[in-house]
Amino acid sequence: MPPGRPPAPITPAAALARILAALAGSAPLPFERAPLGEALGRALADDLVAAAPLPGFDAATMDGYALRAADARRAGALLPVAFAVHAGHPATRPLPPGSCARILTGAPLPRGADSVEQQEECAREGERVRFLRAAVPGRFIRSRGSDVASGAVALRRGEALDAGALALAASLGQPRLHLHRRPRVAIVPTGDELAPAGSRPAPGHVVESNGIALAAAAWEAGADPDVLPPVPDDPRALARALRAVRRHDAIVTVGGVSVGDRDLVRDALTAAGARLDFWRVAMRPGKPFAFGRWGDAAVFGLPGNPASALVTFELFVRPALRRLAGLSGAGRLVLPVRLSKRVEKPAGLTVYLRVRLRREGRNLVADPLPSQVSGNLSSAALLDALAVLPASRASMPRGAWVDAIVLRAPSSGEHR
């Protein structure tokens, strides 16, 4: 390769494969024991095995009357009411043969009863109840252990814990769980032109916005983000910033990885001791993207344009952070969609088209955002998906079917 000539870009698929292969020795991160309130979205490090059955007793699933089914084999049986059972208050004695008990939803079944009839199928006659149909053993009873048997695996290791999983863990008496540690990711925005958020930018400056966007994306991916103030295009300032984040699990720099005179980040990383694996990917947006290792830390060099930064984060950083967090894949649906209009694209590059989604009959239709300029913030906001246009094509006709990486459910009525 001639001196100064950049290396040939690799495909997005090859880039992701090399990233995940490089993480094989360090992912997932070690586990910690954490309370349920800190577990949402995190991965279990061990199977959660039920130490006791769930539910722990036979319970009524309807308001009505508990009885022995043999005492009401035919419609019209008339039984006296022996006592009442409420949720949280078990009966203190067995149900006498030939009688029934008033019972409310969730209440423990009294000993001797094997059926519950809902009150709509009963007629109260003073202190007795007439059953309007024949009783059936097991009717309207949630049996002990019918949800989770004692000794059964309730939640598998590697599962991302959602609200229902946390409720299940709590019901099994587990206030703390073994969870893979969230990766700590440092986000380092770079560029002389950047002004801190909330400040009034000087002429020729722009407010730094990638930090907040990537921090949100990192949190959604299962990481704990730390965002540094904007770092100027100065080797010494870059060196200081990199030393400050040396102990993070992942380091994400933003800007300065292309071939311009002021693109200093790659040299700063190399000078600090990082080993870069690659730094160009055959894609749009986001061609100047770098990846490497710095000791145990994964290092990602993202381009500075907002759409490029977010797309490369989505495709490469998000799966890597999830792998470190013990989660599998990128956690995204990939669905077939039809393009609503013709799209021209460069041959040889995979293009990730920012789109909104809507339904036409049984099909999902992708409407490209009005702006696909990677430097326009509007091209990175409120998109539903990334439509993947293959590198082998120079254009895609209206109505063409392509895969779409779904980032969020469509938000407005006309896009449902």
Protein backbone atom coordinates (compact mmCIF):
# COMPACT_ATOMS: atom_id res chain seq x y z
CA MET A 1 0.00 0.00 0.00
CA PRO A 2 1.49 3.41 -0.97
CA PRO A 3 2.60 5.60 1.99
CA GLY A 4 -0.21 7.73 3.37
CA ARG A 5 -2.92 5.83 1.55
CA PRO A 6 -5.69 4.72 3.93
CA PRO A 7 -6.51 0.99 4.18
CA ALA A 8 -9.39 -0.45 2.22
CA PRO A 9 -12.63 -0.37 4.22
CA ILE A 10 -14.08 -3.62 5.50
CA THR A 11 -17.74 -4.61 5.34
CA PRO A 12 -20.08 -3.87 8.24
CA ALA A 13 -20.54 -7.60 8.84
CA ALA A 14 -16.78 -8.14 9.00
CA ALA A 15 -16.39 -5.17 11.35
CA LEU A 16 -18.95 -6.52 13.81
CA ALA A 17 -17.48 -10.02 13.65
CA ARG A 18 -14.01 -8.70 14.46
CA ILE A 19 -15.34 -6.60 17.35
CA LEU A 20 -17.18 -9.51 18.95
CA ALA A 21 -14.24 -11.86 18.42
CA ALA A 22 -11.95 -9.36 20.15
CA LEU A 23 -14.28 -9.34 23.17
CA ALA A 24 -14.39 -13.12 23.51
CA GLY A 25 -11.87 -13.19 26.34
CA SER A 26 -13.42 -10.41 28.41
CA ALA A 27 -17.16 -10.81 27.94
CA PRO A 28 -19.35 -11.08 29.80
CA LEU A 29 -18.11 -8.97 32.69
CA PRO A 30 -18.01 -10.48 36.20
CA PHE A 31 -21.21 -10.68 38.19
CA GLU A 32 -22.29 -8.83 41.28
CA ARG A 33 -25.15 -9.33 43.69
CA ALA A 34 -27.59 -6.46 43.24
CA PRO A 35 -31.08 -5.57 44.52
CA LEU A 36 -34.11 -5.93 42.27
CA GLY A 37 -34.40 -2.16 42.01
CA GLU A 38 -31.11 -2.14 40.05
CA ALA A 39 -31.83 -5.19 37.89
CA LEU A 40 -34.09 -3.91 35.10
CA GLY A 41 -32.65 -4.75 31.68
CA ARG A 42 -29.64 -6.56 33.10
CA ALA A 43 -28.60 -10.17 32.49
CA LEU A 44 -28.76 -12.94 35.06
CA ALA A 45 -25.37 -14.49 35.70
CA ASP A 46 -26.91 -17.73 37.03
CA ASP A 47 -30.16 -19.61 36.54
CA LEU A 48 -32.74 -18.55 39.10
CA VAL A 49 -33.99 -21.78 40.68
CA ALA A 50 -37.18 -21.76 42.73
CA ALA A 51 -36.47 -22.75 46.33
CA ALA A 52 -40.21 -23.16 46.99
CA PRO A 53 -43.28 -23.70 44.82
CA LEU A 54 -45.16 -20.77 43.33
CA PRO A 55 -47.88 -20.30 44.40
CA GLY A 56 -47.18 -21.76 47.80
CA PHE A 57 -50.76 -22.94 48.39
CA ASP A 58 -53.94 -23.85 46.52
CA ALA A 59 -55.86 -20.60 45.97
CA ALA A 60 -59.22 -19.51 44.61
CA THR A 61 -59.16 -17.66 41.28
CA MET A 62 -62.73 -16.39 41.61
CA ASP A 63 -65.02 -14.92 44.24
CA GLY A 64 -67.48 -17.69 45.07
CA TYR A 65 -67.75 -20.80 47.20
CA ALA A 66 -65.28 -23.58 47.97
CA LEU A 67 -66.63 -27.09 48.27
CA ARG A 68 -66.01 -30.78 47.75
CA ALA A 69 -67.02 -31.52 44.16
CA ALA A 70 -68.55 -34.81 45.34
CA ASP A 71 -71.09 -32.83 47.40
CA ALA A 72 -72.54 -31.14 44.29
CA ARG A 73 -72.44 -33.78 41.59
CA ARG A 74 -75.62 -32.41 40.02
CA ALA A 75 -77.06 -28.97 39.44
CA GLY A 76 -79.30 -27.77 42.27
CA ALA A 77 -77.27 -29.06 45.22
CA LEU A 78 -77.94 -27.02 48.38
CA LEU A 79 -75.09 -26.72 50.92
CA PRO A 80 -74.76 -24.81 54.19
CA VAL A 81 -72.03 -22.14 54.46
CA ALA A 82 -69.59 -23.24 57.19
CA PHE A 83 -67.32 -20.16 57.26
CA ALA A 84 -65.65 -17.53 55.06
CA VAL A 85 -62.05 -17.38 53.81
CA HIS A 86 -60.41 -14.14 52.72
CA ALA A 87 -57.07 -13.49 51.01
CA GLY A 88 -54.28 -13.52 53.58
CA HIS A 89 -56.44 -15.28 56.16
CA PRO A 90 -56.32 -19.11 55.85
CA ALA A 91 -59.13 -21.13 57.32
CA THR A 92 -58.34 -22.36 60.83
CA ARG A 93 -60.17 -25.67 60.37
CA PRO A 94 -60.99 -28.11 57.58
CA LEU A 95 -64.18 -27.77 55.54
CA PRO A 96 -66.82 -30.08 57.06
CA PRO A 97 -68.17 -32.67 54.61
CA GLY A 98 -71.47 -31.69 53.03
CA SER A 99 -70.82 -27.92 53.41
CA CYS A 100 -69.19 -25.07 51.52
CA ALA A 101 -67.17 -21.96 52.41
CA ARG A 102 -67.51 -18.43 51.14
CA ILE A 103 -64.16 -17.67 49.47
CA LEU A 104 -62.68 -14.62 47.75
CA THR A 105 -60.13 -14.39 44.95
CA GLY A 106 -56.61 -15.23 46.13
CA ALA A 107 -57.73 -16.83 49.38
CA PRO A 108 -56.20 -20.20 50.39
CA LEU A 109 -58.44 -23.18 49.74
CA PRO A 110 -59.61 -24.72 53.03
CA ARG A 111 -58.48 -28.26 53.70
CA GLY A 112 -60.93 -30.75 52.26
CA ALA A 113 -62.17 -28.52 49.42
CA ASP A 114 -61.24 -29.45 45.86
CA SER A 115 -63.39 -27.06 43.81
CA VAL A 116 -64.52 -23.44 43.68
CA GLU A 117 -67.70 -22.24 42.02
CA GLN A 118 -67.96 -18.61 40.97
CA GLN A 119 -70.70 -16.67 42.68
CA GLU A 120 -72.49 -16.04 39.37
CA GLU A 121 -73.28 -19.79 39.24
CA CYS A 122 -74.60 -19.83 42.80
CA ALA A 123 -77.78 -18.62 44.52
CA ARG A 124 -77.50 -17.61 48.18
CA GLU A 125 -80.49 -18.75 50.24
CA GLY A 126 -79.92 -17.41 53.76
CA GLU A 127 -77.15 -19.48 55.32
CA ARG A 128 -77.12 -21.95 52.45
CA VAL A 129 -76.01 -21.83 48.82
CA ARG A 130 -77.64 -23.52 45.83
CA PHE A 131 -75.19 -24.55 43.12
CA LEU A 132 -76.72 -23.99 39.68
CA ARG A 133 -74.48 -26.51 37.93
CA ALA A 134 -72.52 -29.62 38.81
CA ALA A 135 -69.20 -29.02 40.53
CA VAL A 136 -65.94 -30.05 38.87
CA PRO A 137 -62.77 -30.95 40.81
CA GLY A 138 -60.06 -28.32 40.31
CA ARG A 139 -62.39 -25.68 38.91
CA PHE A 140 -61.23 -22.08 39.62
CA ILE A 141 -58.26 -23.26 41.68
CA ARG A 142 -54.68 -22.12 41.16
CA SER A 143 -52.81 -25.16 42.43
CA ARG A 144 -49.73 -25.09 44.61
CA GLY A 145 -46.65 -25.03 42.37
CA SER A 146 -48.71 -24.66 39.18
CA ASP A 147 -46.77 -21.53 38.16
CA VAL A 148 -43.26 -22.64 39.13
CA ALA A 149 -42.47 -25.97 40.77
CA SER A 150 -39.96 -26.17 43.60
CA GLY A 151 -36.50 -26.81 42.12
CA ALA A 152 -37.49 -25.63 38.64
CA VAL A 153 -35.54 -22.99 36.71
CA ALA A 154 -37.71 -19.88 36.83
CA LEU A 155 -35.40 -17.57 34.84
CA ARG A 156 -32.48 -18.56 32.63
CA ARG A 157 -29.00 -17.07 32.87
CA GLY A 158 -28.39 -14.45 30.21
CA GLU A 159 -32.02 -13.35 30.14
CA ALA A 160 -32.61 -9.60 30.08
CA LEU A 161 -34.80 -8.91 33.10
CA ASP A 162 -38.02 -7.04 32.36
CA ALA A 163 -40.78 -5.92 34.71
CA GLY A 164 -42.45 -9.35 34.71
CA ALA A 165 -39.18 -11.15 35.44
CA LEU A 166 -38.52 -8.86 38.39
CA ALA A 167 -42.00 -9.59 39.72
CA LEU A 168 -41.33 -13.32 39.38
CA ALA A 169 -38.02 -13.02 41.22
CA ALA A 170 -39.68 -11.05 44.02
CA SER A 171 -42.46 -13.65 44.30
CA LEU A 172 -39.81 -16.33 44.70
CA GLY A 173 -38.37 -14.45 47.66
CA GLN A 174 -35.28 -13.16 45.86
CA PRO A 175 -34.68 -9.50 46.81
CA ARG A 176 -31.17 -9.64 45.27
CA LEU A 177 -29.87 -11.40 42.17
CA HIS A 178 -26.56 -12.44 40.63
CA LEU A 179 -26.26 -10.04 37.67
CA HIS A 180 -23.51 -9.31 35.21
CA ARG A 181 -22.01 -5.92 35.92
CA ARG A 182 -23.04 -3.07 33.66
CA PRO A 183 -20.06 -2.06 31.53
CA ARG A 184 -18.69 1.38 32.30
CA VAL A 185 -18.37 3.29 29.05
CA ALA A 186 -16.58 6.62 28.65
CA ILE A 187 -17.82 8.96 25.93
CA VAL A 188 -15.21 11.46 24.75
CA PRO A 189 -16.50 14.14 22.33
CA THR A 190 -13.65 15.89 20.49
CA GLY A 191 -13.29 18.99 18.35
CA ASP A 192 -12.22 22.65 18.61
CA GLU A 193 -15.65 23.71 17.40
CA LEU A 194 -17.60 22.19 20.30
CA ALA A 195 -19.24 24.30 23.00
CA PRO A 196 -20.65 22.67 26.17
CA ALA A 197 -24.38 22.05 26.25
CA GLY A 198 -26.23 24.99 27.78
CA SER A 199 -23.64 27.54 26.70
CA ARG A 200 -23.89 30.19 23.99
CA PRO A 201 -21.56 29.05 21.18
CA ALA A 202 -19.01 31.52 19.85
CA PRO A 203 -18.96 32.25 16.10
CA GLY A 204 -18.02 29.10 14.20
CA HIS A 205 -18.82 26.85 17.16
CA VAL A 206 -21.66 24.36 17.70
CA VAL A 207 -23.20 23.02 20.89
CA GLU A 208 -21.92 19.54 21.66
CA SER A 209 -24.85 17.11 21.34
CA ASN A 210 -23.28 13.72 20.63
CA GLY A 211 -22.39 13.17 24.27
CA ILE A 212 -25.98 13.25 25.53
CA ALA A 213 -27.22 11.19 22.59
CA LEU A 214 -24.60 8.48 22.98
CA ALA A 215 -25.01 8.40 26.76
CA ALA A 216 -28.71 7.68 26.25
CA ALA A 217 -27.90 5.00 23.70
CA ALA A 218 -25.31 3.46 26.01
CA TRP A 219 -27.76 3.34 28.91
CA GLU A 220 -30.36 1.70 26.68
CA ALA A 221 -27.74 -0.86 25.65
CA GLY A 222 -27.18 -1.84 29.28
CA ALA A 223 -24.11 0.26 30.14
CA ASP A 224 -23.27 2.99 32.65
CA PRO A 225 -22.07 6.00 30.63
CA ASP A 226 -19.62 8.73 31.70
CA VAL A 227 -19.55 11.74 29.36
CA LEU A 228 -16.47 13.95 29.32
CA PRO A 229 -16.60 17.67 28.47
CA PRO A 230 -15.63 18.43 24.86
CA VAL A 231 -11.92 17.87 24.24
CA PRO A 232 -10.13 20.24 21.82
CA ASP A 233 -8.08 19.07 18.84
CA ASP A 234 -4.82 19.10 20.74
CA PRO A 235 -2.58 16.05 21.29
CA ARG A 236 -1.88 16.94 24.93
CA ALA A 237 -5.54 17.54 25.74
CA LEU A 238 -6.48 14.26 24.06
CA ALA A 239 -3.78 12.42 25.99
CA ARG A 240 -5.08 13.83 29.30
CA ALA A 241 -8.66 12.88 28.44
CA LEU A 242 -7.67 9.34 27.52
CA ARG A 243 -5.69 8.89 30.74
CA ALA A 244 -8.78 9.95 32.68
CA VAL A 245 -10.89 7.16 31.18
CA ARG A 246 -8.24 4.45 31.13
CA ARG A 247 -10.04 2.17 33.59
CA HIS A 248 -13.38 2.03 31.82
CA ASP A 249 -14.61 -1.16 30.17
CA ALA A 250 -15.23 0.67 26.89
CA ILE A 251 -14.09 4.02 25.51
CA VAL A 252 -16.06 5.80 22.79
CA THR A 253 -14.41 8.79 21.16
CA VAL A 254 -16.46 11.00 18.87
CA GLY A 255 -14.86 12.80 15.91
CA GLY A 256 -11.28 13.00 14.74
CA VAL A 257 -10.94 9.51 13.18
CA SER A 258 -10.96 10.45 9.50
CA VAL A 259 -8.01 11.61 7.35
CA GLY A 260 -8.13 15.41 7.87
CA ASP A 261 -5.25 17.48 9.21
CA ARG A 262 -7.06 17.91 12.53
CA ASP A 263 -8.19 14.29 12.87
CA LEU A 264 -5.90 13.47 15.79
CA VAL A 265 -7.80 10.83 17.73
CA ARG A 266 -6.33 7.74 16.07
CA ASP A 267 -2.79 8.98 16.66
CA ALA A 268 -3.67 9.88 20.26
CA LEU A 269 -5.05 6.41 20.90
CA THR A 270 -2.02 4.75 19.37
CA ALA A 271 0.35 6.98 21.36
CA ALA A 272 -1.50 6.04 24.56
CA GLY A 273 -0.95 2.34 23.87
CA ALA A 274 -4.19 1.30 22.15
CA ARG A 275 -4.00 -1.24 19.31
CA LEU A 276 -6.40 -0.37 16.51
CA ASP A 277 -7.79 -3.28 14.53
CA PHE A 278 -9.45 -1.28 11.73
CA TRP A 279 -10.67 2.24 11.09
CA ARG A 280 -12.71 2.30 7.89
CA VAL A 281 -16.00 0.53 7.14
CA ALA A 282 -17.68 0.35 3.72
CA MET A 283 -20.92 2.00 4.80
CA ARG A 284 -22.83 5.27 4.80
CA PRO A 285 -23.18 7.04 7.11
CA GLY A 286 -20.18 6.24 9.27
CA LYS A 287 -17.33 5.17 7.00
CA PRO A 288 -14.56 6.55 9.29
CA PHE A 289 -15.12 4.21 12.27
CA ALA A 290 -12.26 2.74 14.31
CA PHE A 291 -12.06 -0.18 16.72
CA GLY A 292 -9.29 -1.56 18.86
CA ARG A 293 -8.24 -2.62 22.35
CA TRP A 294 -6.41 -0.75 25.08
CA GLY A 295 -5.54 -3.34 27.65
CA ASP A 296 -8.87 -4.76 28.76
CA ALA A 297 -10.85 -1.81 27.39
CA ALA A 298 -12.65 -1.89 24.05
CA VAL A 299 -12.02 1.33 22.11
CA PHE A 300 -14.43 2.71 19.53
CA GLY A 301 -13.68 5.76 17.39
CA LEU A 302 -16.93 7.20 16.04
CA PRO A 303 -17.27 9.89 13.37
CA GLY A 304 -18.40 13.30 14.61
CA ASN A 305 -21.52 13.90 12.50
CA PRO A 306 -24.61 13.14 14.62
CA ALA A 307 -26.26 10.59 12.33
CA SER A 308 -22.93 8.88 11.64
CA ALA A 309 -22.17 8.66 15.35
CA LEU A 310 -25.56 7.21 16.24
CA VAL A 311 -25.66 4.73 13.34
CA THR A 312 -22.17 3.38 14.04
CA PHE A 313 -23.00 3.17 17.74
CA GLU A 314 -26.14 1.21 16.91
CA LEU A 315 -24.40 -1.22 14.59
CA PHE A 316 -21.14 -1.81 16.44
CA VAL A 317 -21.00 -0.35 19.95
CA ARG A 318 -24.44 -1.46 21.10
CA PRO A 319 -23.86 -5.20 20.38
CA ALA A 320 -20.43 -4.96 22.02
CA LEU A 321 -21.79 -3.35 25.19
CA ARG A 322 -24.57 -5.91 25.37
CA ARG A 323 -22.01 -8.71 25.01
CA LEU A 324 -20.01 -7.24 27.89
CA ALA A 325 -23.22 -6.98 29.94
CA GLY A 326 -23.99 -10.67 29.38
CA LEU A 327 -26.81 -10.00 26.93
CA SER A 328 -27.06 -11.65 23.52
CA GLY A 329 -27.24 -9.97 20.14
CA ALA A 330 -28.16 -6.36 19.51
CA GLY A 331 -31.62 -6.68 21.05
CA ARG A 332 -33.29 -5.33 17.91
CA LEU A 333 -35.96 -6.72 15.61
CA VAL A 334 -35.04 -6.95 11.93
CA LEU A 335 -38.14 -6.89 9.72
CA PRO A 336 -38.75 -6.82 5.96
CA VAL A 337 -40.09 -3.45 4.72
CA ARG A 338 -40.95 -1.92 1.37
CA LEU A 339 -39.38 1.36 0.29
CA SER A 340 -41.94 4.07 -0.42
CA LYS A 341 -39.71 5.77 -2.98
CA ARG A 342 -36.72 5.19 -5.22
CA VAL A 343 -33.34 5.66 -3.52
CA GLU A 344 -30.03 6.30 -5.24
CA LYS A 345 -26.91 5.13 -3.41
CA PRO A 346 -23.18 4.61 -3.98
CA ALA A 347 -22.30 1.16 -5.27
CA GLY A 348 -19.94 -0.70 -2.96
CA LEU A 349 -21.27 0.85 0.24
CA THR A 350 -23.96 -0.55 2.52
CA VAL A 351 -26.31 2.35 3.20
CA TYR A 352 -28.34 2.62 6.40
CA LEU A 353 -31.32 4.73 5.42
CA ARG A 354 -33.07 6.53 8.28
CA VAL A 355 -36.80 5.86 7.90
CA ARG A 356 -40.21 6.14 9.50
CA LEU A 357 -42.45 3.08 9.36
CA ARG A 358 -46.12 2.75 8.59
CA ARG A 359 -48.42 -0.13 7.75
CA GLU A 360 -50.15 -0.63 4.40
CA GLY A 361 -52.37 -3.66 4.72
CA ARG A 362 -50.12 -6.45 5.94
CA ASN A 363 -46.90 -4.77 4.83
CA LEU A 364 -44.57 -2.37 6.58
CA VAL A 365 -43.60 0.60 4.43
CA ALA A 366 -40.44 2.63 5.02
CA ASP A 367 -40.60 6.39 4.39
CA PRO A 368 -37.07 7.90 4.23
CA LEU A 369 -36.62 10.93 6.46
CA PRO A 370 -36.56 14.15 4.41
CA SER A 371 -32.89 14.68 5.24
CA GLN A 372 -30.27 11.94 5.03
CA VAL A 373 -27.39 14.37 5.55
CA SER A 374 -25.33 12.89 8.38
CA GLY A 375 -24.48 16.31 9.78
CA ASN A 376 -28.14 17.31 10.16
CA LEU A 377 -29.51 16.59 13.61
CA SER A 378 -32.98 16.12 12.14
CA SER A 379 -31.66 13.07 10.28
CA ALA A 380 -30.88 11.43 13.62
CA ALA A 381 -34.10 12.32 15.46
CA LEU A 382 -37.41 10.45 15.63
CA LEU A 383 -36.49 7.69 13.21
CA ASP A 384 -38.19 4.34 13.57
CA ALA A 385 -35.67 2.15 11.79
CA LEU A 386 -32.56 1.82 9.67
CA ALA A 387 -33.38 0.37 6.25
CA VAL A 388 -30.37 -1.63 5.05
CA LEU A 389 -29.57 -1.02 1.38
CA PRO A 390 -27.07 -3.62 0.12
CA ALA A 391 -23.62 -2.68 -1.13
CA SER A 392 -24.17 -4.52 -4.41
CA ARG A 393 -26.82 -2.07 -5.62
CA ALA A 394 -26.43 1.47 -6.98
CA SER A 395 -30.13 2.24 -6.60
CA MET A 396 -33.23 0.75 -5.04
CA PRO A 397 -36.58 1.10 -6.82
CA ARG A 398 -39.80 2.17 -5.16
CA GLY A 399 -41.46 -0.88 -3.61
CA ALA A 400 -38.20 -2.80 -3.16
CA TRP A 401 -38.08 -5.11 -0.16
CA VAL A 402 -35.19 -4.55 2.25
CA ASP A 403 -34.40 -5.46 5.85
CA ALA A 404 -34.96 -2.80 8.48
CA ILE A 405 -33.38 -2.65 11.94
CA VAL A 406 -36.26 -1.47 14.12
CA LEU A 407 -35.15 1.09 16.71
CA ARG A 408 -38.53 1.97 18.18
CA ALA A 409 -42.23 1.42 17.67
CA PRO A 410 -43.80 4.00 15.36
CA SER A 411 -44.96 6.90 17.49
CA SER A 412 -47.82 8.54 15.59
CA GLY A 413 -51.22 7.21 14.60
CA GLU A 414 -50.61 7.25 10.88
CA HIS A 415 -47.45 5.17 11.33
CA ARG A 416 -48.98 2.37 13.39
